[in-house]
């Protein structure tokens, strides 16, 4: 059974940083595509960043909306994928989800591309 567990959320102030971590169990992690999404009450799940694979090896994708502030990193030995978030803004307030899919290749850009999800971790950024 595939299980994804997020941690690292919390309440911070504008300009602060947070590092979210997702630990995976139950499958061969290194062969799965992974990503971080977020969701608010008004919007569906938005892709923030993902790790894909090409013939040259793993590569990171970061959505333009958070590029320059968010980075993603993957550690196959630890079976984890982290999301480093800097210069946080109130608009970043959301529930953040880790996702995985058994298709290894280009980063999936949409929530429906992913089969497995964590339960989410809340991030709240105050002015």
Foldseek 3Di string as FASTA:
>chain_A
DKAKAKDWADEEAAFAKIKMKIAIDDDQLVQKKKFKWWDDPVDDTFTAKIWAADPVGIDIDGDPVQPPFWDWDDDSVRRMIMIIGGRDDQVPWTWMKMFIANHGHDHDGDPVRTDDIHPTDTHGYHD
